[in-house]
């Protein structure tokens, strides 16, 4: 055994603080996940939505802390804030289709951009929490599309965070970023780069990434 897996639970309190509990140390990630589903999610407190389970891998005989520490006095504690965190995901349809129609296009993937609100004490902490949230979001089991293919979504480790300067109310900015571009780019090129290429019959092309449980199955083959 070269690693152990630490399972702990974070409960987000109303005052902005977190209540962390170490639940156990396990020989594999799969065993820790099994404990979550078979035991802890069924217990009072742990089954509440305002909390999360986290599994961290630790290497045996390897230092986990490389520097010293300082004690921060209460008046110096950083204030909890809400950050907008943007993450990007890529969905691919894998396997040979059982049937196709005129809407089917083989060489097409789908990109998803999400922006979520993360409570943290700094931009770095917001990024770390955003990574955890993104991996959890992308861990959902793959679904089968109407063509009989498995659709797999993966977090591509693209993340950015933004600290809003105002409280969240209607018509307030929740995310902003800037990029340097060649002066020769047209507005259409900018739009294509930032928002994705526009396809004809895009609604039909998206059939490839739908869940057959909700959209049905394609019966015939072109």
Protein backbone atom coordinates (compact mmCIF):
# COMPACT_ATOMS: atom_id res chain seq x y z
CA UNK A 1 0.00 0.00 0.00
CA UNK A 2 1.44 3.36 -1.05
CA UNK A 3 -1.54 5.62 -0.34
CA UNK A 4 -4.44 6.02 2.06
CA UNK A 5 -7.66 7.94 1.48
CA UNK A 6 -8.94 10.37 4.09
CA UNK A 7 -12.69 10.93 4.16
CA UNK A 8 -14.04 14.03 5.81
CA UNK A 9 -17.23 16.06 5.80
CA UNK A 10 -17.57 19.84 5.64
CA UNK A 11 -20.73 21.44 7.00
CA UNK A 12 -21.21 25.06 5.88
CA UNK A 13 -22.55 27.07 8.82
CA UNK A 14 -24.81 30.12 8.55
CA UNK A 15 -22.10 32.44 9.94
CA UNK A 16 -19.79 31.62 7.05
CA UNK A 17 -17.59 29.19 8.97
CA UNK A 18 -17.09 25.51 8.13
CA UNK A 19 -17.39 22.59 10.54
CA UNK A 20 -15.01 19.85 9.36
CA UNK A 21 -15.20 16.24 10.58
CA UNK A 22 -12.73 13.47 9.81
CA UNK A 23 -14.82 10.34 9.19
CA UNK A 24 -12.22 7.70 8.45
CA UNK A 25 -9.08 6.58 6.67
CA UNK A 26 -9.42 3.92 3.96
CA UNK A 27 -7.18 1.80 1.77
CA UNK A 28 -8.93 2.81 -1.48
CA UNK A 29 -11.06 5.62 -2.86
CA UNK A 30 -13.74 3.10 -3.81
CA UNK A 31 -14.07 1.96 -0.20
CA UNK A 32 -14.37 5.54 1.02
CA UNK A 33 -17.09 6.22 -1.57
CA UNK A 34 -18.90 3.07 -0.48
CA UNK A 35 -18.90 4.26 3.15
CA UNK A 36 -20.42 7.56 2.07
CA UNK A 37 -23.32 5.93 0.23
CA UNK A 38 -23.97 2.99 2.57
CA UNK A 39 -23.51 4.77 5.89
CA UNK A 40 -22.96 8.49 6.17
CA UNK A 41 -25.57 9.79 3.72
CA UNK A 42 -28.20 8.01 5.81
CA UNK A 43 -27.20 9.65 9.11
CA UNK A 44 -28.75 12.85 10.55
CA UNK A 45 -26.73 15.94 9.71
CA UNK A 46 -24.69 14.25 7.02
CA UNK A 47 -27.77 13.91 4.81
CA UNK A 48 -28.34 17.68 4.80
CA UNK A 49 -27.69 19.56 1.56
CA UNK A 50 -25.59 22.32 3.15
CA UNK A 51 -22.44 20.19 3.32
CA UNK A 52 -20.14 18.00 1.25
CA UNK A 53 -18.06 14.84 1.50
CA UNK A 54 -14.44 15.11 0.37
CA UNK A 55 -11.93 12.31 -0.23
CA UNK A 56 -8.24 13.21 -0.25
CA UNK A 57 -5.39 10.87 -1.16
CA UNK A 58 -2.28 10.88 1.05
CA UNK A 59 0.98 9.17 0.18
CA UNK A 60 2.43 7.00 2.96
CA UNK A 61 5.80 8.16 4.37
CA UNK A 62 5.51 11.46 2.50
CA UNK A 63 5.39 14.83 4.26
CA UNK A 64 2.06 16.58 3.97
CA UNK A 65 3.22 19.93 5.33
CA UNK A 66 6.39 21.57 4.03
CA UNK A 67 6.34 24.94 5.81
CA UNK A 68 5.77 26.38 9.25
CA UNK A 69 2.60 28.16 10.34
CA UNK A 70 1.41 31.34 11.99
CA UNK A 71 -1.61 31.89 14.20
CA UNK A 72 -4.06 34.46 12.88
CA UNK A 73 -5.83 36.49 15.53
CA UNK A 74 -9.63 36.59 15.25
CA UNK A 75 -9.69 40.21 14.16
CA UNK A 76 -7.38 39.34 11.28
CA UNK A 77 -9.52 36.49 9.95
CA UNK A 78 -10.45 36.97 6.34
CA UNK A 79 -14.07 37.70 5.54
CA UNK A 80 -16.06 35.03 3.74
CA UNK A 81 -17.18 36.14 0.29
CA UNK A 82 -19.06 34.74 -2.67
CA UNK A 83 -16.95 34.22 -5.79
CA UNK A 84 -18.08 33.46 -9.33
CA UNK A 85 -16.16 30.43 -10.56
CA UNK A 86 -16.23 29.41 -14.22
CA UNK A 87 -15.36 25.87 -15.32
CA UNK A 88 -15.40 24.16 -18.72
CA UNK A 89 -16.40 20.60 -19.65
CA UNK A 90 -16.16 18.53 -22.83
CA UNK A 91 -18.72 15.90 -23.82
CA UNK A 92 -17.92 13.16 -26.33
CA UNK A 93 -20.14 10.45 -27.81
CA UNK A 94 -18.12 7.22 -27.87
CA UNK A 95 -18.76 3.89 -29.54
CA UNK A 96 -20.35 2.98 -32.85
CA UNK A 97 -23.90 4.32 -33.29
CA UNK A 98 -26.62 1.69 -33.55
CA UNK A 99 -28.56 3.96 -35.89
CA UNK A 100 -28.13 7.41 -37.43
CA UNK A 101 -30.24 10.00 -39.21
CA UNK A 102 -29.61 13.25 -41.06
CA UNK A 103 -29.03 15.06 -37.77
CA UNK A 104 -26.05 12.88 -36.85
CA UNK A 105 -22.55 14.30 -37.28
CA UNK A 106 -19.61 12.11 -36.34
CA UNK A 107 -16.85 14.63 -35.69
CA UNK A 108 -18.64 16.84 -33.21
CA UNK A 109 -18.03 17.33 -29.48
CA UNK A 110 -19.92 19.61 -27.09
CA UNK A 111 -18.39 22.14 -24.70
CA UNK A 112 -20.21 23.23 -21.53
CA UNK A 113 -19.31 26.35 -19.60
CA UNK A 114 -20.66 26.68 -16.04
CA UNK A 115 -20.48 29.56 -13.60
CA UNK A 116 -21.23 28.73 -9.97
CA UNK A 117 -21.11 30.75 -6.78
CA UNK A 118 -18.46 29.55 -4.32
CA UNK A 119 -18.15 30.76 -0.73
CA UNK A 120 -14.50 31.26 0.19
CA UNK A 121 -12.09 33.53 2.05
CA UNK A 122 -9.76 34.18 -0.87
CA UNK A 123 -9.51 33.79 -4.63
CA UNK A 124 -7.13 30.83 -4.24
CA UNK A 125 -9.56 29.07 -1.90
CA UNK A 126 -12.40 29.73 -4.36
CA UNK A 127 -10.34 28.06 -7.10
CA UNK A 128 -9.66 25.02 -4.90
CA UNK A 129 -13.32 24.68 -3.93
CA UNK A 130 -14.32 25.23 -7.55
CA UNK A 131 -12.06 22.33 -8.60
CA UNK A 132 -13.78 20.06 -6.07
CA UNK A 133 -17.23 21.15 -7.25
CA UNK A 134 -16.26 20.68 -10.91
CA UNK A 135 -14.92 17.16 -10.37
CA UNK A 136 -18.07 16.25 -8.44
CA UNK A 137 -20.28 17.63 -11.24
CA UNK A 138 -18.33 15.71 -13.90
CA UNK A 139 -18.43 12.46 -11.94
CA UNK A 140 -22.05 11.75 -12.91
CA UNK A 141 -22.44 8.43 -14.75
CA UNK A 142 -22.46 8.67 -18.58
CA UNK A 143 -25.78 8.44 -20.38
CA UNK A 144 -26.81 6.83 -23.67
CA UNK A 145 -27.75 9.11 -26.56
CA UNK A 146 -30.57 8.46 -29.07
CA UNK A 147 -28.04 6.76 -31.37
CA UNK A 148 -27.05 4.19 -28.77
CA UNK A 149 -23.69 5.79 -27.96
CA UNK A 150 -22.30 6.50 -24.51
CA UNK A 151 -21.95 10.24 -23.80
CA UNK A 152 -19.07 11.02 -21.46
CA UNK A 153 -18.54 14.49 -19.98
CA UNK A 154 -15.14 15.42 -18.55
CA UNK A 155 -13.90 18.45 -16.69
CA UNK A 156 -10.98 19.73 -18.80
CA UNK A 157 -9.29 21.46 -15.84
CA UNK A 158 -10.11 24.91 -17.16
CA UNK A 159 -11.12 27.18 -14.29
CA UNK A 160 -11.22 30.90 -13.52
CA UNK A 161 -12.65 32.86 -10.60
CA UNK A 162 -13.98 36.38 -10.24
CA UNK A 163 -14.64 38.40 -7.10
CA UNK A 164 -17.74 40.58 -7.58
CA UNK A 165 -17.48 44.07 -6.19
CA UNK A 166 -21.16 44.30 -5.26
CA UNK A 167 -23.70 42.13 -3.49
CA UNK A 168 -25.64 39.71 -5.69
CA UNK A 169 -28.89 41.28 -6.77
CA UNK A 170 -30.71 41.61 -10.07
CA UNK A 171 -28.70 43.03 -13.00
CA UNK A 172 -25.38 42.79 -11.16
CA UNK A 173 -22.19 41.42 -12.70
CA UNK A 174 -21.27 37.94 -11.43
CA UNK A 175 -18.33 37.19 -13.73
CA UNK A 176 -15.88 39.18 -15.85
CA UNK A 177 -12.65 38.32 -17.67
CA UNK A 178 -10.50 39.98 -20.32
CA UNK A 179 -8.28 38.66 -23.13
CA UNK A 180 -5.73 40.19 -25.49
CA UNK A 181 -6.50 39.53 -29.17
CA UNK A 182 -4.98 40.44 -32.55
CA UNK A 183 -6.31 43.75 -33.84
CA UNK A 184 -7.13 42.10 -37.17
CA UNK A 185 -9.80 39.83 -35.67
CA UNK A 186 -13.33 40.64 -36.80
CA UNK A 187 -16.23 40.81 -34.38
CA UNK A 188 -17.50 37.51 -35.81
CA UNK A 189 -14.14 35.85 -35.10
CA UNK A 190 -14.30 37.13 -31.52
CA UNK A 191 -17.84 35.81 -31.12
CA UNK A 192 -16.88 32.41 -32.56
CA UNK A 193 -13.87 32.15 -30.25
CA UNK A 194 -15.71 33.25 -27.12
CA UNK A 195 -19.14 31.69 -27.64
CA UNK A 196 -18.36 28.80 -29.99
CA UNK A 197 -18.97 28.33 -33.70
CA UNK A 198 -22.53 28.72 -34.89
CA UNK A 199 -23.79 25.63 -36.75
CA UNK A 200 -26.71 25.37 -39.09
CA UNK A 201 -29.50 23.28 -37.57
CA UNK A 202 -27.66 23.37 -34.24
CA UNK A 203 -30.71 22.19 -32.32
CA UNK A 204 -30.83 19.03 -34.43
CA UNK A 205 -27.07 18.45 -34.14
CA UNK A 206 -27.36 18.49 -30.35
CA UNK A 207 -29.37 15.25 -30.54
CA UNK A 208 -26.04 13.41 -30.33
CA UNK A 209 -25.55 14.59 -26.74
CA UNK A 210 -29.10 14.11 -25.44
CA UNK A 211 -30.18 11.36 -23.05
CA UNK A 212 -32.36 8.79 -24.79
CA UNK A 213 -34.37 8.43 -21.56
CA UNK A 214 -35.86 11.85 -22.29
CA UNK A 215 -35.52 12.28 -26.06
CA UNK A 216 -36.22 8.77 -27.41
CA UNK A 217 -34.17 6.47 -29.64
CA UNK A 218 -33.30 6.76 -33.33
CA UNK A 219 -34.62 3.63 -35.03
CA UNK A 220 -33.39 3.79 -38.59
CA UNK A 221 -29.91 4.01 -40.07
CA UNK A 222 -28.92 6.35 -42.90
